[in-house]
Amino acid sequence: MRILSIDSSLGTQLLLCDAEPGVSADGVRRPLEILSAQALQDSRRHAESLGPMLATALAAPSDDVPLDAVVAATGPAPFTGLRAGLVTARALSRARSIPAHGVPSLDAVARLALDELTAERGREAAEAATILVATDARRKEVYCAAYRARGADDVEALSAPAVTTPLAAAERLAGLGPDAVPAGSGCVLYPEIADGRPVLAPASGSAEAQVRIALARLARGEELATEPLYLRLADVQMPAGRKRALAG
């Protein structure tokens, strides 16, 4: 099946891939075939970037196989960028009459970190590890949640995502024990979170990892909502109506 994946958690990532359903004999999902992959680091030009990136991705394959699904990051992430990615995914879903699936951004970073840990220490060590993901939330805060592996492609959240200070994130990491692994862009931006531990997956999302997570969850019959995970209000709010003056 052909899947388009959009992540606009901080920068903008867009990936087009072919994914063969099912898993191999050892329980590991067959690798994705990447047809097109694009990434821009600009954290404030999502709307301007997604259109040209989408046109490039959809023009990349040499055959006429249609899209089967679109996957998008649901956050938590800054409001404007996250909204641009989700609106693009929903519009494409409606235009092509294909399903749209959502995957939390922190989940994708956790999976990316576990992949790196697998490469460094082996699969058994990665499956036993606890990951604390912290990504940049601006305003000198981070989005934060703890995870462990769920098979070779998915993750299990050990805590609900929260927006918090770097100090509070550091305390959460310490509370997970000396072997807990820090990951995510927030741990790079605020080194005090990791407190000297090596930081894995210094990102705020992963278009490739969220496809693998989506496929694993869909195989279990889960519904993947595309509702955004906003942990705080948008910076711009509609003004309240004027108060009526009381008659004297």
Protein backbone atom coordinates (compact mmCIF):
# COMPACT_ATOMS: atom_id res chain seq x y z
CA MET A 1 0.00 0.00 0.00
CA ARG A 2 1.17 3.54 -0.73
CA ILE A 3 1.17 5.99 2.17
CA LEU A 4 1.89 9.70 2.40
CA SER A 5 3.15 10.83 5.80
CA ILE A 6 3.19 14.44 7.06
CA ASP A 7 4.90 15.73 10.17
CA SER A 8 4.79 19.45 11.01
CA SER A 9 5.59 19.23 14.71
CA LEU A 10 8.39 21.79 14.49
CA GLY A 11 9.91 21.78 11.00
CA THR A 12 8.15 20.09 8.09
CA GLN A 13 8.66 16.50 6.93
CA LEU A 14 6.84 14.80 4.07
CA LEU A 15 7.42 11.18 3.08
CA LEU A 16 5.89 8.94 0.42
CA CYS A 17 6.42 5.22 0.82
CA ASP A 18 5.21 1.77 -0.13
CA ALA A 19 4.49 -0.52 2.80
CA GLU A 20 3.86 -4.23 2.45
CA PRO A 21 1.16 -5.31 4.93
CA GLY A 22 2.03 -7.87 7.55
CA VAL A 23 5.20 -8.90 9.35
CA SER A 24 8.03 -11.29 8.63
CA ALA A 25 8.46 -14.68 10.30
CA ASP A 26 10.43 -13.19 13.22
CA GLY A 27 7.67 -10.69 13.98
CA VAL A 28 9.42 -7.66 12.51
CA ARG A 29 7.52 -5.54 10.02
CA ARG A 30 8.95 -5.55 6.54
CA PRO A 31 10.89 -2.33 5.81
CA LEU A 32 9.20 0.57 4.07
CA GLU A 33 10.18 1.39 0.52
CA ILE A 34 10.83 5.14 0.53
CA LEU A 35 9.75 6.77 -2.73
CA SER A 36 10.21 10.40 -1.73
CA ALA A 37 11.44 12.11 1.44
CA GLN A 38 11.67 15.84 2.08
CA ALA A 39 12.42 17.89 5.17
CA LEU A 40 12.64 21.60 5.95
CA GLN A 41 13.89 22.93 9.27
CA ASP A 42 12.01 26.25 9.15
CA SER A 43 9.56 26.18 12.05
CA ARG A 44 7.37 29.05 10.82
CA ARG A 45 6.68 28.34 7.11
CA HIS A 46 4.66 25.13 7.21
CA ALA A 47 1.75 26.41 5.13
CA GLU A 48 4.06 27.81 2.43
CA SER A 49 6.20 24.66 2.37
CA LEU A 50 3.62 21.88 2.32
CA GLY A 51 2.10 22.68 -1.09
CA PRO A 52 5.36 22.50 -3.09
CA MET A 53 6.56 19.52 -1.05
CA LEU A 54 3.30 17.67 -1.72
CA ALA A 55 3.49 18.40 -5.45
CA THR A 56 7.06 17.07 -5.57
CA ALA A 57 6.21 13.92 -3.62
CA LEU A 58 3.17 13.02 -5.69
CA ALA A 59 5.13 13.55 -8.91
CA ALA A 60 8.03 11.33 -7.76
CA PRO A 61 6.81 7.77 -8.53
CA SER A 62 7.13 6.63 -12.13
CA ASP A 63 3.99 4.49 -12.01
CA ASP A 64 0.34 5.39 -11.53
CA VAL A 65 -0.36 3.53 -8.28
CA PRO A 66 -2.77 5.70 -6.28
CA LEU A 67 -2.41 6.68 -2.66
CA ASP A 68 -4.00 4.32 -0.15
CA ALA A 69 -3.75 6.41 3.02
CA VAL A 70 -2.29 9.53 4.59
CA VAL A 71 -0.72 9.67 8.06
CA ALA A 72 -0.22 12.90 9.98
CA ALA A 73 1.36 13.93 13.27
CA THR A 74 -1.21 14.99 15.87
CA GLY A 75 1.18 16.67 18.29
CA PRO A 76 1.58 17.89 20.91
CA ALA A 77 3.32 20.67 19.00
CA PRO A 78 3.04 24.42 18.44
CA PHE A 79 -0.47 25.29 17.23
CA THR A 80 0.13 26.86 13.80
CA GLY A 81 2.50 24.26 12.36
CA LEU A 82 0.50 21.32 13.67
CA ARG A 83 -2.72 22.72 12.22
CA ALA A 84 -1.11 23.18 8.78
CA GLY A 85 -0.06 19.54 8.60
CA LEU A 86 -3.38 18.17 9.78
CA VAL A 87 -5.42 20.40 7.45
CA THR A 88 -3.27 19.25 4.52
CA ALA A 89 -3.75 15.59 5.48
CA ARG A 90 -7.51 15.94 5.86
CA ALA A 91 -7.86 17.83 2.57
CA LEU A 92 -5.89 15.14 0.75
CA SER A 93 -7.97 12.45 2.43
CA ARG A 94 -11.21 14.01 1.21
CA ALA A 95 -9.93 14.82 -2.27
CA ARG A 96 -8.63 11.29 -2.84
CA SER A 97 -11.29 9.44 -0.81
CA ILE A 98 -8.62 7.72 1.28
CA PRO A 99 -8.37 7.31 5.06
CA ALA A 100 -6.39 9.74 7.20
CA HIS A 101 -4.70 8.43 10.34
CA GLY A 102 -3.12 10.34 13.21
CA VAL A 103 -0.07 9.45 15.31
CA PRO A 104 1.18 11.55 18.26
CA SER A 105 4.49 13.28 17.57
CA LEU A 106 6.08 12.18 20.84
CA ASP A 107 5.29 8.54 20.00
CA ALA A 108 7.23 8.88 16.74
CA VAL A 109 10.26 10.38 18.51
CA ALA A 110 10.17 7.56 21.07
CA ARG A 111 10.15 4.97 18.27
CA LEU A 112 13.06 6.74 16.59
CA ALA A 113 15.01 6.68 19.86
CA LEU A 114 14.29 2.98 20.35
CA ASP A 115 15.56 2.28 16.83
CA GLU A 116 18.80 4.07 17.66
CA LEU A 117 19.06 2.18 20.93
CA THR A 118 18.52 -1.11 19.09
CA ALA A 119 21.36 -0.27 16.71
CA GLU A 120 23.66 0.62 19.63
CA ARG A 121 22.84 -2.03 22.22
CA GLY A 122 20.66 -4.63 20.52
CA ARG A 123 16.95 -5.37 20.41
CA GLU A 124 16.75 -6.94 23.86
CA ALA A 125 18.20 -3.84 25.54
CA ALA A 126 15.88 -1.55 23.60
CA GLU A 127 12.81 -3.55 24.57
CA ALA A 128 13.76 -3.26 28.25
CA ALA A 129 14.48 0.48 28.11
CA THR A 130 12.41 3.42 29.31
CA ILE A 131 12.52 6.53 27.13
CA LEU A 132 11.68 10.05 28.24
CA VAL A 133 10.83 12.20 25.22
CA ALA A 134 11.01 15.99 25.55
CA THR A 135 10.43 18.20 22.50
CA ASP A 136 10.59 21.95 22.07
CA ALA A 137 7.32 23.64 23.06
CA ARG A 138 8.73 27.20 22.88
CA ARG A 139 8.20 29.69 25.74
CA LYS A 140 11.10 27.94 27.54
CA GLU A 141 8.95 24.80 27.95
CA VAL A 142 8.89 21.26 26.57
CA TYR A 143 6.32 18.64 25.66
CA CYS A 144 7.15 15.53 27.66
CA ALA A 145 6.09 11.87 28.05
CA ALA A 146 7.66 8.51 28.96
CA TYR A 147 7.60 5.38 26.77
CA ARG A 148 8.72 1.81 26.34
CA ALA A 149 8.81 -0.42 23.25
CA ARG A 150 5.75 -2.29 22.03
CA GLY A 151 7.20 -4.68 19.49
CA ALA A 152 9.63 -3.60 16.79
CA ASP A 153 7.52 -0.80 15.33
CA ASP A 154 5.28 0.63 18.05
CA VAL A 155 5.61 2.22 21.48
CA GLU A 156 3.58 2.22 24.68
CA ALA A 157 3.08 5.47 26.57
CA LEU A 158 3.83 5.25 30.29
CA SER A 159 2.51 8.73 31.00
CA ALA A 160 0.18 11.21 29.36
CA PRO A 161 1.89 13.99 27.39
CA ALA A 162 2.32 17.24 29.28
CA VAL A 163 3.77 20.68 28.68
CA THR A 164 6.25 21.50 31.41
CA THR A 165 9.47 23.27 32.30
CA PRO A 166 12.89 21.77 31.54
CA LEU A 167 13.49 21.45 35.30
CA ALA A 168 10.30 19.42 35.74
CA ALA A 169 11.26 17.25 32.76
CA ALA A 170 14.67 16.63 34.32
CA GLU A 171 12.96 15.56 37.54
CA ARG A 172 10.72 13.18 35.59
CA LEU A 173 13.75 11.62 33.91
CA ALA A 174 15.50 11.20 37.26
CA GLY A 175 12.36 9.60 38.65
CA LEU A 176 12.42 6.96 35.92
CA GLY A 177 15.75 5.64 37.20
CA PRO A 178 19.41 5.79 36.22
CA ASP A 179 18.92 3.70 33.09
CA ALA A 180 16.17 5.86 31.57
CA VAL A 181 17.11 7.35 28.21
CA PRO A 182 16.44 11.00 27.24
CA ALA A 183 15.32 11.76 23.69
CA GLY A 184 13.93 14.58 21.59
CA SER A 185 14.70 18.13 20.54
CA GLY A 186 13.91 19.52 23.99
CA CYS A 187 16.78 17.55 25.54
CA VAL A 188 19.19 19.18 23.09
CA LEU A 189 17.77 22.66 23.58
CA TYR A 190 17.83 22.28 27.37
CA PRO A 191 20.81 20.03 28.27
CA GLU A 192 19.86 20.15 31.95
CA ILE A 193 17.05 17.69 31.18
CA ALA A 194 19.46 14.91 30.18
CA ASP A 195 21.90 15.81 32.98
CA GLY A 196 24.88 14.36 31.11
CA ARG A 197 23.15 11.31 29.64
CA PRO A 198 23.47 10.81 25.86
CA VAL A 199 20.42 12.16 24.02
CA LEU A 200 18.84 10.01 21.31
CA ALA A 201 16.60 11.11 18.41
CA PRO A 202 17.12 14.90 18.71
CA ALA A 203 13.90 15.62 16.80
CA SER A 204 10.31 16.75 17.37
CA GLY A 205 8.71 14.17 15.09
CA SER A 206 9.42 11.57 12.39
CA ALA A 207 7.36 11.05 9.25
CA GLU A 208 8.89 7.59 8.76
CA ALA A 209 8.42 6.36 12.33
CA GLN A 210 4.79 7.47 12.44
CA VAL A 211 4.00 5.31 9.38
CA ARG A 212 5.39 2.25 11.14
CA ILE A 213 3.43 3.06 14.29
CA ALA A 214 0.24 3.59 12.30
CA LEU A 215 0.61 0.26 10.49
CA ALA A 216 1.21 -1.59 13.76
CA ARG A 217 -1.83 -0.04 15.41
CA LEU A 218 -4.09 -0.50 12.41
CA ALA A 219 -3.09 -4.19 12.34
CA ARG A 220 -4.46 -4.45 15.89
CA GLY A 221 -7.71 -2.84 14.82
CA GLU A 222 -7.12 0.50 16.56
CA GLU A 223 -8.69 3.73 15.33
CA LEU A 224 -6.16 6.51 14.76
CA ALA A 225 -7.94 9.82 15.21
CA THR A 226 -6.59 12.96 13.57
CA GLU A 227 -7.69 15.28 16.37
CA PRO A 228 -4.78 17.54 17.38
CA LEU A 229 -3.24 17.26 20.83
CA TYR A 230 -3.16 20.88 21.94
CA LEU A 231 -1.84 21.11 25.49
CA ARG A 232 -2.31 24.86 25.74
CA LEU A 233 -4.31 27.55 23.98
CA ALA A 234 -3.19 29.15 20.72
CA ASP A 235 -1.16 32.36 20.99
CA VAL A 236 -3.86 34.31 19.15
CA GLN A 237 -7.34 34.34 20.66
CA MET A 238 -10.58 35.82 19.38
CA PRO A 239 -11.42 38.95 21.38
CA ALA A 240 -14.32 38.70 23.75
CA GLY A 241 -17.45 40.72 23.02
CA ARG A 242 -17.77 44.14 24.53
CA LYS A 243 -19.44 44.34 27.91
CA ARG A 244 -22.66 46.26 27.97
CA ALA A 245 -22.69 49.31 30.20
CA LEU A 246 -25.22 49.16 32.98
CA ALA A 247 -27.94 51.75 32.85
CA GLY A 248 -27.56 54.41 35.49
